[in-house]
N, C-alpha and C. Protein backbone atom coordinates (compact mmCIF):
# COMPACT_ATOMS: atom_id res chain seq x y z
N MET A 1 -5.22 -34.56 -54.26
CA MET A 1 -6.11 -35.14 -53.44
C MET A 1 -7.42 -34.90 -53.41
N THR A 2 -7.94 -33.69 -53.96
CA THR A 2 -9.64 -33.75 -54.39
C THR A 2 -9.71 -34.51 -55.60
N THR A 3 -8.92 -34.71 -56.68
CA THR A 3 -9.35 -35.17 -57.41
C THR A 3 -9.84 -37.14 -57.04
N ALA A 4 -8.60 -37.36 -56.20
CA ALA A 4 -8.95 -38.66 -55.49
C ALA A 4 -10.38 -39.04 -54.81
N LEU A 5 -10.39 -38.34 -53.79
CA LEU A 5 -11.61 -37.57 -53.37
C LEU A 5 -12.74 -37.59 -53.99
N CYS A 6 -12.78 -37.15 -55.26
CA CYS A 6 -14.21 -36.91 -56.21
C CYS A 6 -13.94 -38.62 -56.70
N SER A 7 -13.40 -39.16 -56.74
CA SER A 7 -13.33 -40.49 -57.71
C SER A 7 -14.08 -41.15 -56.63
N ASN A 8 -13.41 -41.22 -55.34
CA ASN A 8 -14.17 -42.07 -54.34
C ASN A 8 -15.12 -41.80 -54.20
N ARG A 9 -15.98 -40.99 -54.03
CA ARG A 9 -17.33 -40.45 -54.03
C ARG A 9 -18.53 -40.79 -55.16
N ARG A 10 -17.61 -40.42 -56.37
CA ARG A 10 -18.10 -41.15 -57.45
C ARG A 10 -18.32 -42.76 -57.61
N LEU A 11 -17.41 -43.28 -57.44
CA LEU A 11 -17.19 -44.75 -57.36
C LEU A 11 -18.58 -45.23 -56.21
N ARG A 12 -18.46 -44.72 -55.34
CA ARG A 12 -19.68 -44.90 -54.14
C ARG A 12 -20.94 -44.96 -54.65
N ARG A 13 -20.84 -43.68 -54.78
CA ARG A 13 -22.38 -43.55 -55.55
C ARG A 13 -22.87 -44.49 -56.63
N ILE A 14 -22.40 -44.83 -57.55
CA ILE A 14 -22.09 -46.01 -58.37
C ILE A 14 -22.67 -47.45 -57.93
N LEU A 15 -21.71 -47.32 -56.63
CA LEU A 15 -21.83 -48.39 -56.24
C LEU A 15 -23.05 -48.67 -55.37
N ARG A 16 -23.55 -47.46 -55.02
CA ARG A 16 -25.40 -47.67 -54.40
C ARG A 16 -26.27 -47.87 -55.50
N VAL A 17 -25.82 -47.34 -56.69
CA VAL A 17 -26.99 -46.99 -57.12
C VAL A 17 -26.95 -48.35 -57.97
N THR A 18 -26.20 -49.20 -58.34
CA THR A 18 -25.99 -50.46 -58.71
C THR A 18 -26.50 -51.50 -57.95
N LEU A 19 -26.26 -51.49 -56.88
CA LEU A 19 -26.68 -52.30 -55.36
C LEU A 19 -28.37 -52.02 -55.40
N PHE A 20 -29.02 -50.95 -55.45
CA PHE A 20 -30.44 -50.40 -55.57
C PHE A 20 -30.74 -51.55 -56.49
N MET A 21 -30.46 -51.01 -57.65
CA MET A 21 -30.92 -51.40 -59.12
C MET A 21 -31.03 -53.18 -58.66
N ALA A 22 -30.32 -53.77 -58.24
CA ALA A 22 -29.95 -55.18 -57.64
C ALA A 22 -30.88 -55.36 -57.18
N LEU A 23 -31.16 -54.90 -56.05
CA LEU A 23 -32.22 -55.14 -55.40
C LEU A 23 -33.76 -54.67 -55.44
N PHE A 24 -33.80 -53.55 -56.36
CA PHE A 24 -35.08 -53.37 -57.14
C PHE A 24 -35.83 -54.62 -57.94
N GLY A 25 -34.49 -54.77 -58.55
CA GLY A 25 -34.52 -56.02 -59.57
C GLY A 25 -35.12 -57.07 -58.92
N ALA A 26 -34.72 -57.65 -58.17
CA ALA A 26 -34.68 -58.88 -57.14
C ALA A 26 -35.92 -58.66 -56.90
N THR A 27 -36.47 -57.63 -56.39
CA THR A 27 -37.87 -57.68 -55.83
C THR A 27 -39.12 -57.94 -56.58
N LEU A 28 -38.50 -56.97 -58.09
CA LEU A 28 -39.72 -56.99 -59.05
C LEU A 28 -39.97 -58.56 -59.48
N VAL A 29 -38.92 -58.97 -59.56
CA VAL A 29 -39.25 -60.58 -59.82
C VAL A 29 -39.84 -61.27 -58.98
N THR A 30 -39.44 -61.06 -57.73
CA THR A 30 -40.16 -61.94 -56.53
C THR A 30 -41.86 -61.74 -56.61
N MET A 31 -42.08 -60.37 -57.03
CA MET A 31 -43.50 -59.64 -56.68
C MET A 31 -44.39 -59.98 -57.49
N THR A 32 -43.63 -60.50 -59.09
CA THR A 32 -44.42 -60.79 -60.35
C THR A 32 -44.53 -62.53 -60.22
N ALA A 33 -43.84 -62.89 -59.15
CA ALA A 33 -43.80 -64.40 -59.72
C ALA A 33 -43.26 -64.73 -61.04
N CYS A 34 -42.73 -64.34 -61.57
CA CYS A 34 -41.83 -64.49 -62.70
C CYS A 34 -40.67 -65.65 -62.44
N GLY A 35 -40.72 -66.59 -63.16
CA GLY A 35 -39.49 -67.74 -62.79
C GLY A 35 -39.92 -68.79 -63.66
N PRO A 36 -39.20 -70.25 -63.52
CA PRO A 36 -39.59 -71.16 -64.50
C PRO A 36 -40.91 -71.60 -64.03
N SER A 37 -41.88 -72.66 -64.80
CA SER A 37 -42.65 -73.33 -64.86
C SER A 37 -42.34 -74.31 -63.48
N SER A 38 -43.23 -74.84 -63.43
CA SER A 38 -43.55 -75.76 -62.15
C SER A 38 -43.03 -77.15 -62.84
N PRO A 39 -42.22 -78.58 -62.89
CA PRO A 39 -42.46 -79.87 -63.31
C PRO A 39 -44.10 -80.21 -63.23
N GLY A 40 -44.39 -81.09 -64.05
CA GLY A 40 -45.53 -81.85 -63.69
C GLY A 40 -46.41 -81.16 -64.72
N GLY A 41 -47.98 -81.79 -64.75
CA GLY A 41 -48.99 -81.02 -65.27
C GLY A 41 -48.82 -80.96 -66.74
N GLN A 42 -49.17 -80.08 -67.36
CA GLN A 42 -48.92 -79.23 -68.69
C GLN A 42 -48.86 -78.29 -69.04
N SER A 43 -48.89 -77.56 -70.00
CA SER A 43 -48.33 -75.99 -70.83
C SER A 43 -50.18 -75.68 -70.50
N GLU A 44 -50.31 -74.48 -70.66
CA GLU A 44 -51.66 -74.16 -70.65
C GLU A 44 -51.73 -74.13 -71.77
N ALA A 45 -51.23 -74.23 -72.72
CA ALA A 45 -51.57 -74.53 -74.22
C ALA A 45 -51.75 -76.09 -74.69
N ALA A 46 -51.23 -76.71 -74.00
CA ALA A 46 -51.79 -78.17 -73.87
C ALA A 46 -53.23 -78.33 -73.64
N ALA A 47 -53.23 -77.73 -72.05
CA ALA A 47 -54.67 -77.42 -71.37
C ALA A 47 -55.52 -77.21 -71.86
N SER A 48 -55.32 -76.08 -72.41
CA SER A 48 -56.58 -75.65 -73.99
C SER A 48 -56.89 -76.55 -75.06
N THR A 49 -56.04 -76.87 -75.79
CA THR A 49 -56.01 -77.98 -76.62
C THR A 49 -57.02 -79.29 -76.08
N GLN A 50 -56.92 -79.50 -74.74
CA GLN A 50 -57.05 -80.84 -73.99
C GLN A 50 -58.80 -80.47 -73.65
N LEU A 51 -58.99 -79.38 -73.41
CA LEU A 51 -60.61 -78.79 -73.48
C LEU A 51 -61.24 -78.45 -74.56
N ALA A 52 -60.37 -78.09 -75.63
CA ALA A 52 -61.14 -77.90 -76.61
C ALA A 52 -61.26 -79.38 -77.47
N ALA A 53 -60.74 -80.26 -77.06
CA ALA A 53 -60.90 -81.57 -78.30
C ALA A 53 -62.14 -82.20 -77.41
N VAL A 54 -62.66 -81.83 -76.25
CA VAL A 54 -64.27 -82.51 -76.02
C VAL A 54 -65.28 -81.95 -76.74
N PRO A 55 -65.67 -83.03 -77.70
CA PRO A 55 -66.73 -82.95 -77.96
C PRO A 55 -67.70 -82.01 -77.67
N GLY A 56 -68.43 -80.77 -78.77
CA GLY A 56 -69.13 -80.13 -78.52
C GLY A 56 -68.44 -78.49 -77.97
N VAL A 57 -67.53 -78.42 -77.42
CA VAL A 57 -66.46 -77.40 -77.32
C VAL A 57 -66.36 -76.75 -78.34
N ASP A 58 -66.22 -75.62 -78.74
CA ASP A 58 -65.91 -74.89 -79.91
C ASP A 58 -64.22 -74.18 -79.88
N ALA A 59 -64.03 -73.70 -78.83
CA ALA A 59 -63.09 -72.75 -78.20
C ALA A 59 -63.17 -72.99 -76.87
N ALA A 60 -61.73 -73.51 -76.45
CA ALA A 60 -61.09 -73.27 -74.80
C ALA A 60 -60.08 -72.30 -74.52
N ARG A 61 -59.67 -72.00 -73.50
CA ARG A 61 -58.51 -71.06 -72.97
C ARG A 61 -58.32 -71.24 -71.58
N VAL A 62 -57.24 -72.14 -71.49
CA VAL A 62 -56.82 -71.86 -70.23
C VAL A 62 -55.20 -71.17 -69.85
N GLY A 63 -55.35 -70.56 -68.25
CA GLY A 63 -54.39 -69.34 -68.42
C GLY A 63 -54.65 -69.02 -67.25
N THR A 64 -53.86 -68.12 -67.14
CA THR A 64 -53.32 -67.47 -65.36
C THR A 64 -53.72 -65.93 -65.55
N GLU A 65 -54.80 -65.04 -64.84
CA GLU A 65 -54.79 -63.82 -64.47
C GLU A 65 -54.51 -63.25 -63.58
N SER A 66 -53.80 -61.95 -63.44
CA SER A 66 -53.49 -61.03 -62.38
C SER A 66 -54.24 -59.87 -62.44
N VAL A 67 -54.59 -59.77 -61.03
CA VAL A 67 -55.23 -58.65 -60.14
C VAL A 67 -54.13 -58.13 -59.72
N TYR A 68 -53.77 -56.87 -59.61
CA TYR A 68 -52.98 -55.51 -58.70
C TYR A 68 -54.17 -55.20 -58.06
N SER A 69 -53.41 -55.07 -56.80
CA SER A 69 -53.89 -54.36 -55.57
C SER A 69 -52.62 -53.46 -55.27
N GLY A 70 -52.35 -52.09 -55.64
CA GLY A 70 -51.31 -51.39 -55.44
C GLY A 70 -50.11 -52.46 -55.84
N LEU A 71 -49.19 -52.67 -55.31
CA LEU A 71 -47.90 -53.17 -56.06
C LEU A 71 -47.84 -55.31 -55.62
N VAL A 72 -49.23 -55.50 -55.26
CA VAL A 72 -49.05 -56.84 -54.91
C VAL A 72 -49.86 -57.57 -55.96
N ALA A 73 -49.48 -58.72 -56.70
CA ALA A 73 -50.43 -59.17 -57.86
C ALA A 73 -51.23 -60.52 -57.23
N GLU A 74 -52.22 -60.73 -57.60
CA GLU A 74 -52.89 -62.02 -57.08
C GLU A 74 -53.50 -62.24 -58.33
N THR A 75 -52.70 -63.87 -58.46
CA THR A 75 -52.65 -65.05 -59.68
C THR A 75 -54.17 -65.93 -59.67
N SER A 76 -54.48 -65.95 -60.53
CA SER A 76 -55.75 -66.65 -60.49
C SER A 76 -55.52 -67.67 -61.80
N ALA A 77 -55.75 -69.10 -61.96
CA ALA A 77 -56.14 -70.21 -62.97
C ALA A 77 -57.91 -69.85 -63.31
N VAL A 78 -57.08 -69.50 -64.91
CA VAL A 78 -58.85 -69.63 -65.27
C VAL A 78 -58.75 -70.66 -66.44
N GLY A 79 -60.07 -71.09 -66.42
CA GLY A 79 -60.28 -72.25 -68.10
C GLY A 79 -61.66 -71.41 -68.44
N HIS A 80 -61.61 -71.49 -69.95
CA HIS A 80 -62.91 -70.85 -70.14
C HIS A 80 -63.26 -71.95 -71.45
N LEU A 81 -64.61 -72.19 -71.71
CA LEU A 81 -65.01 -73.24 -73.00
C LEU A 81 -66.09 -72.17 -72.99
N THR A 82 -65.99 -72.23 -74.85
CA THR A 82 -67.30 -71.73 -75.34
C THR A 82 -67.76 -72.93 -76.08
N LEU A 83 -69.16 -73.39 -75.94
CA LEU A 83 -69.58 -74.87 -76.58
C LEU A 83 -70.04 -74.54 -78.24
N GLU A 84 -69.86 -75.50 -78.96
CA GLU A 84 -70.39 -75.29 -80.38
C GLU A 84 -72.29 -75.08 -80.21
N SER A 85 -72.96 -74.42 -80.99
CA SER A 85 -74.59 -74.24 -81.59
C SER A 85 -75.17 -75.23 -81.24
N THR A 86 -74.32 -76.90 -81.72
CA THR A 86 -75.55 -77.80 -81.96
C THR A 86 -75.22 -78.46 -80.45
N ALA A 87 -74.58 -78.12 -79.64
CA ALA A 87 -73.98 -78.67 -78.21
C ALA A 87 -75.11 -78.91 -77.05
N THR A 88 -75.35 -79.72 -76.52
CA THR A 88 -75.69 -79.89 -75.17
C THR A 88 -75.01 -80.37 -74.32
N ILE A 89 -75.55 -80.09 -72.88
CA ILE A 89 -74.61 -80.95 -71.57
C ILE A 89 -75.72 -81.82 -70.60
N PRO A 90 -75.99 -82.70 -70.96
CA PRO A 90 -76.47 -83.68 -70.05
C PRO A 90 -75.87 -84.26 -68.85
N ASP A 91 -74.35 -83.50 -68.85
CA ASP A 91 -73.49 -83.77 -67.20
C ASP A 91 -73.15 -82.80 -67.09
N LEU A 92 -73.74 -81.57 -66.37
CA LEU A 92 -72.95 -80.56 -66.03
C LEU A 92 -71.89 -80.65 -65.29
N PRO A 93 -72.36 -81.27 -63.84
CA PRO A 93 -71.16 -81.42 -62.77
C PRO A 93 -69.92 -81.88 -63.72
N LYS A 94 -70.22 -83.46 -64.32
CA LYS A 94 -68.94 -83.91 -64.80
C LYS A 94 -67.96 -83.06 -65.66
N LEU A 95 -68.82 -82.27 -66.72
CA LEU A 95 -68.09 -81.15 -67.35
C LEU A 95 -67.24 -80.23 -66.62
N LEU A 96 -67.75 -80.29 -65.50
CA LEU A 96 -67.24 -78.66 -64.53
C LEU A 96 -65.96 -79.29 -63.95
N GLU A 97 -65.95 -80.41 -63.40
CA GLU A 97 -65.19 -81.24 -62.31
C GLU A 97 -64.17 -81.67 -63.87
N TYR A 98 -63.95 -81.56 -64.88
CA TYR A 98 -62.86 -81.94 -65.64
C TYR A 98 -62.27 -80.46 -66.36
N ALA A 99 -63.28 -79.63 -66.33
CA ALA A 99 -62.56 -78.44 -66.79
C ALA A 99 -61.74 -77.97 -65.48
N ILE A 100 -61.93 -78.14 -64.38
CA ILE A 100 -61.32 -77.67 -62.94
C ILE A 100 -60.26 -78.59 -62.90
N ALA A 101 -59.70 -79.49 -63.36
CA ALA A 101 -58.64 -80.64 -63.15
C ALA A 101 -58.01 -80.21 -64.59
N VAL A 102 -58.51 -80.06 -65.55
CA VAL A 102 -57.57 -79.40 -66.64
C VAL A 102 -57.20 -78.12 -66.43
N THR A 103 -57.66 -77.37 -65.87
CA THR A 103 -57.38 -75.95 -65.37
C THR A 103 -55.92 -75.90 -64.12
N TRP A 104 -56.14 -76.95 -63.33
CA TRP A 104 -55.40 -77.24 -62.58
C TRP A 104 -54.42 -77.62 -62.72
N SER A 105 -54.44 -78.76 -63.86
CA SER A 105 -52.97 -78.84 -64.33
C SER A 105 -51.91 -78.15 -64.98
N ALA A 106 -52.31 -77.10 -65.20
CA ALA A 106 -51.55 -76.35 -66.02
C ALA A 106 -50.39 -75.93 -65.54
N ASN A 107 -49.29 -75.53 -65.77
CA ASN A 107 -48.52 -75.22 -64.59
C ASN A 107 -47.29 -73.90 -65.17
N GLN A 108 -47.77 -72.94 -66.13
CA GLN A 108 -47.40 -71.72 -65.99
C GLN A 108 -47.30 -71.03 -64.82
N ARG A 109 -48.04 -70.49 -64.04
CA ARG A 109 -47.98 -70.27 -62.82
C ARG A 109 -49.43 -70.74 -61.77
N GLU A 110 -48.54 -70.95 -60.69
CA GLU A 110 -49.22 -71.25 -59.68
C GLU A 110 -50.15 -70.16 -59.33
N PRO A 111 -51.91 -70.61 -59.04
CA PRO A 111 -52.58 -69.55 -58.31
C PRO A 111 -52.37 -69.57 -57.12
N GLY A 112 -52.81 -67.98 -56.59
CA GLY A 112 -52.64 -67.41 -55.79
C GLY A 112 -53.84 -68.14 -54.49
N LYS A 113 -55.20 -67.45 -54.84
CA LYS A 113 -56.45 -67.75 -54.17
C LYS A 113 -57.78 -68.57 -54.66
N ARG A 114 -57.56 -68.35 -55.98
CA ARG A 114 -59.03 -69.11 -56.51
C ARG A 114 -58.51 -69.38 -57.98
N LEU A 115 -59.32 -70.39 -58.40
CA LEU A 115 -59.70 -70.69 -59.45
C LEU A 115 -60.75 -70.86 -60.40
N LEU A 116 -60.55 -70.17 -61.21
CA LEU A 116 -62.09 -69.63 -62.00
C LEU A 116 -62.34 -70.61 -63.36
N VAL A 117 -63.96 -71.16 -63.75
CA VAL A 117 -64.08 -71.67 -64.73
C VAL A 117 -65.15 -71.03 -65.03
N SER A 118 -65.04 -70.99 -66.48
CA SER A 118 -66.64 -70.17 -67.28
C SER A 118 -67.18 -71.51 -68.80
N ILE A 119 -68.63 -71.61 -68.60
CA ILE A 119 -68.68 -72.02 -69.62
C ILE A 119 -70.06 -71.49 -70.60
N GLU A 120 -69.53 -70.90 -71.72
CA GLU A 120 -70.69 -69.98 -72.25
C GLU A 120 -71.16 -71.32 -73.69
N THR A 121 -72.66 -71.37 -72.69
CA THR A 121 -73.45 -72.27 -73.68
C THR A 121 -74.04 -71.62 -75.40
N PRO A 122 -74.51 -72.10 -76.05
CA PRO A 122 -75.26 -71.54 -77.31
C PRO A 122 -76.27 -70.61 -76.92
N GLY A 123 -76.67 -69.60 -77.55
CA GLY A 123 -77.73 -68.87 -77.50
C GLY A 123 -77.72 -67.91 -76.92
N GLY A 124 -76.74 -67.83 -75.77
CA GLY A 124 -76.38 -66.80 -74.68
C GLY A 124 -77.23 -67.39 -73.35
N THR A 125 -77.42 -68.79 -73.32
CA THR A 125 -78.33 -69.23 -72.05
C THR A 125 -76.99 -69.92 -71.14
N ASP A 126 -76.87 -69.56 -70.11
CA ASP A 126 -75.37 -69.87 -69.34
C ASP A 126 -75.91 -70.74 -68.30
N ALA A 127 -75.32 -71.77 -68.56
CA ALA A 127 -75.04 -73.10 -67.21
C ALA A 127 -75.13 -72.53 -66.08
N ASP A 128 -75.88 -73.41 -65.25
CA ASP A 128 -75.69 -73.34 -63.45
C ASP A 128 -74.32 -73.51 -62.81
N LEU A 129 -73.35 -72.81 -63.13
CA LEU A 129 -72.02 -73.55 -62.75
C LEU A 129 -71.79 -73.72 -61.38
N LEU A 130 -72.86 -72.88 -60.52
CA LEU A 130 -72.48 -72.65 -59.33
C LEU A 130 -73.47 -73.96 -58.20
N ALA A 131 -74.68 -74.43 -58.79
CA ALA A 131 -75.65 -75.40 -58.64
C ALA A 131 -74.33 -76.74 -58.77
N ALA A 132 -74.21 -76.85 -60.15
CA ALA A 132 -73.12 -77.81 -60.38
C ALA A 132 -71.51 -78.05 -59.16
N ALA A 133 -71.58 -76.87 -59.34
CA ALA A 133 -69.95 -77.05 -58.26
C ALA A 133 -70.42 -77.44 -56.48
N THR A 134 -71.41 -77.11 -56.67
CA THR A 134 -72.29 -77.66 -55.17
C THR A 134 -72.49 -78.87 -55.31
N SER A 135 -73.19 -79.36 -56.01
CA SER A 135 -73.87 -81.04 -56.20
C SER A 135 -72.55 -81.68 -56.25
N LEU A 136 -71.07 -81.24 -56.67
CA LEU A 136 -69.66 -82.13 -56.40
C LEU A 136 -69.43 -81.77 -55.05
N GLY A 137 -69.46 -80.94 -53.66
CA GLY A 137 -69.47 -80.92 -52.79
C GLY A 137 -67.79 -79.95 -52.82
N TRP A 138 -68.20 -78.53 -53.71
CA TRP A 138 -66.93 -77.77 -53.75
C TRP A 138 -67.51 -76.43 -52.77
N ASP A 139 -67.19 -76.72 -51.68
CA ASP A 139 -67.89 -75.88 -50.84
C ASP A 139 -67.59 -74.19 -50.38
N THR A 140 -66.59 -74.16 -51.53
CA THR A 140 -65.79 -72.68 -51.36
C THR A 140 -66.30 -71.62 -53.01
N ALA A 141 -67.22 -72.71 -53.69
CA ALA A 141 -67.58 -71.98 -54.92
C ALA A 141 -68.19 -70.92 -54.74
N LEU A 142 -68.17 -69.73 -55.43
CA LEU A 142 -68.76 -68.54 -55.84
C LEU A 142 -69.12 -68.19 -56.75
N ALA A 143 -70.02 -67.40 -57.34
CA ALA A 143 -70.14 -67.39 -58.94
C ALA A 143 -70.70 -65.41 -59.08
N SER A 144 -70.41 -65.06 -59.86
CA SER A 144 -71.05 -63.57 -60.18
C SER A 144 -71.94 -63.64 -61.17
N ARG A 145 -72.22 -64.67 -61.83
CA ARG A 145 -72.93 -64.23 -62.59
C ARG A 145 -73.00 -66.07 -62.91
N ALA A 146 -74.15 -66.17 -63.67
CA ALA A 146 -74.55 -67.59 -64.46
C ALA A 146 -73.54 -68.39 -65.43
N GLY A 147 -72.90 -69.10 -65.61
CA GLY A 147 -71.61 -69.55 -66.23
C GLY A 147 -70.52 -69.40 -66.07
N PHE A 148 -70.61 -69.12 -64.73
CA PHE A 148 -69.03 -68.61 -64.10
C PHE A 148 -69.03 -69.24 -62.83
N VAL A 149 -67.90 -69.76 -62.03
CA VAL A 149 -67.78 -70.25 -60.91
C VAL A 149 -66.33 -70.12 -60.63
N SER A 150 -65.94 -69.96 -59.22
CA SER A 150 -64.60 -69.71 -58.74
C SER A 150 -64.54 -70.55 -57.71
N VAL A 151 -63.32 -71.07 -57.45
CA VAL A 151 -63.50 -71.97 -56.02
C VAL A 151 -61.95 -71.24 -55.62
N ARG A 152 -61.81 -71.48 -54.45
CA ARG A 152 -60.31 -71.61 -53.42
C ARG A 152 -59.40 -72.73 -53.62
N VAL A 153 -58.24 -71.96 -53.64
CA VAL A 153 -57.05 -72.92 -54.24
C VAL A 153 -57.12 -73.56 -53.01
N ASP A 154 -57.13 -73.50 -51.52
CA ASP A 154 -56.71 -74.58 -50.84
C ASP A 154 -58.06 -75.55 -51.19
N GLU A 155 -58.95 -75.66 -51.72
CA GLU A 155 -59.93 -76.54 -51.61
C GLU A 155 -59.39 -77.41 -52.74
N VAL A 156 -59.03 -76.91 -53.82
CA VAL A 156 -59.05 -77.56 -54.69
C VAL A 156 -57.43 -78.50 -54.63
N ARG A 157 -56.99 -77.84 -54.17
CA ARG A 157 -55.57 -78.77 -53.27
C ARG A 157 -55.87 -79.82 -52.62
N SER A 158 -56.76 -79.63 -51.92
CA SER A 158 -57.15 -80.86 -50.98
C SER A 158 -57.93 -82.00 -51.81
N LYS A 159 -58.47 -81.77 -52.37
CA LYS A 159 -59.48 -82.14 -53.15
C LYS A 159 -58.74 -83.28 -55.09
N LEU A 160 -57.81 -82.33 -55.44
CA LEU A 160 -56.41 -82.91 -56.35
C LEU A 160 -55.28 -82.66 -56.34
N GLY A 161 -54.93 -82.49 -55.24
CA GLY A 161 -53.15 -82.90 -54.82
C GLY A 161 -52.82 -81.41 -54.85
N ALA A 162 -51.41 -81.38 -54.81
CA ALA A 162 -50.25 -80.62 -55.44
C ALA A 162 -50.51 -79.87 -56.57
N TRP A 163 -50.13 -78.74 -56.63
CA TRP A 163 -49.98 -77.61 -58.06
C TRP A 163 -48.89 -77.79 -58.91
N PRO A 164 -48.78 -78.28 -59.67
CA PRO A 164 -49.95 -78.19 -60.86
C PRO A 164 -50.18 -79.75 -60.59
N GLY A 165 -51.53 -80.34 -61.03
CA GLY A 165 -52.20 -81.28 -61.04
C GLY A 165 -51.96 -82.35 -61.59
N THR A 166 -52.34 -83.64 -61.89
CA THR A 166 -52.05 -84.52 -62.77
C THR A 166 -53.16 -84.64 -63.86
N VAL A 167 -52.65 -84.19 -65.41
CA VAL A 167 -53.46 -84.51 -66.24
C VAL A 167 -54.17 -85.36 -66.44
N PRO A 168 -56.04 -84.79 -66.31
CA PRO A 168 -56.94 -85.99 -66.01
C PRO A 168 -57.32 -86.45 -67.52
N SER A 169 -57.89 -87.55 -67.77
CA SER A 169 -58.31 -88.55 -68.67
C SER A 169 -59.61 -87.56 -69.18
N ALA A 170 -60.01 -87.48 -70.14
CA ALA A 170 -61.17 -86.72 -70.87
C ALA A 170 -62.66 -87.82 -70.40
N PRO A 171 -63.59 -87.41 -69.62
CA PRO A 171 -65.10 -87.79 -69.61
C PRO A 171 -65.46 -88.90 -70.85
N ASP A 172 -66.03 -89.38 -70.90
CA ASP A 172 -67.51 -89.24 -71.74
C ASP A 172 -68.38 -88.82 -71.24
N GLY A 173 -69.10 -88.91 -72.61
CA GLY A 173 -70.56 -88.22 -72.10
C GLY A 173 -71.03 -87.16 -71.64
N VAL A 174 -70.22 -85.95 -71.41
CA VAL A 174 -70.47 -84.80 -71.03
C VAL A 174 -71.43 -83.73 -71.87
N THR A 175 -71.37 -84.13 -73.31
CA THR A 175 -71.99 -83.23 -73.94
C THR A 175 -72.47 -84.16 -74.85
N THR A 176 -73.67 -83.81 -75.98
CA THR A 176 -74.27 -84.26 -76.78
C THR A 176 -74.79 -83.49 -78.13
N GLY A 177 -75.26 -83.65 -78.90
CA GLY A 177 -75.36 -82.61 -80.30
C GLY A 177 -74.21 -82.31 -80.64
N ALA A 178 -72.73 -82.89 -80.34
CA ALA A 178 -71.82 -81.88 -81.43
C ALA A 178 -71.42 -82.05 -82.30
N ASP A 179 -70.82 -80.88 -83.32
CA ASP A 179 -70.50 -81.06 -84.67
C ASP A 179 -69.24 -81.83 -84.64
N LYS A 180 -68.61 -82.18 -83.87
CA LYS A 180 -67.31 -82.81 -83.87
C LYS A 180 -67.61 -84.40 -83.76
């Protein structure tokens, strides 16, 4: 009888541990937003390639970044462009608008509250992206420094539609003097 009782306790303990691990795993997957990418849009790699194809852009990266506050992750969509040394930007608002649309079209992970874009210009002079965003009517635009701007996801959604957005067509004349 003691053998059966010990075996029964052991079985209950194994079941409790298994249940705890299953619930912990499900919670972890939910909290980190792991899962399949959303249909539509394009991959982060394709979006990066699309931005890098703009004449005058030396390098580009589109992705997501997460910042943790305790156990909660806040994910932002990020687009970064580095211009060639000979490039100039005659139409910064148009380039910014395109960069926001391409970043919004990346379908790996849906951003939480912010979409960020940065443009690194030759010679270390940073473009005034806040002024460009304001001229385009982005009411929630914020900039912590020149060459960088963030906009709220709810405003992006209202202007560009549901995430992931439609893959935009490349604009003409946003840069000049490019090596490409």
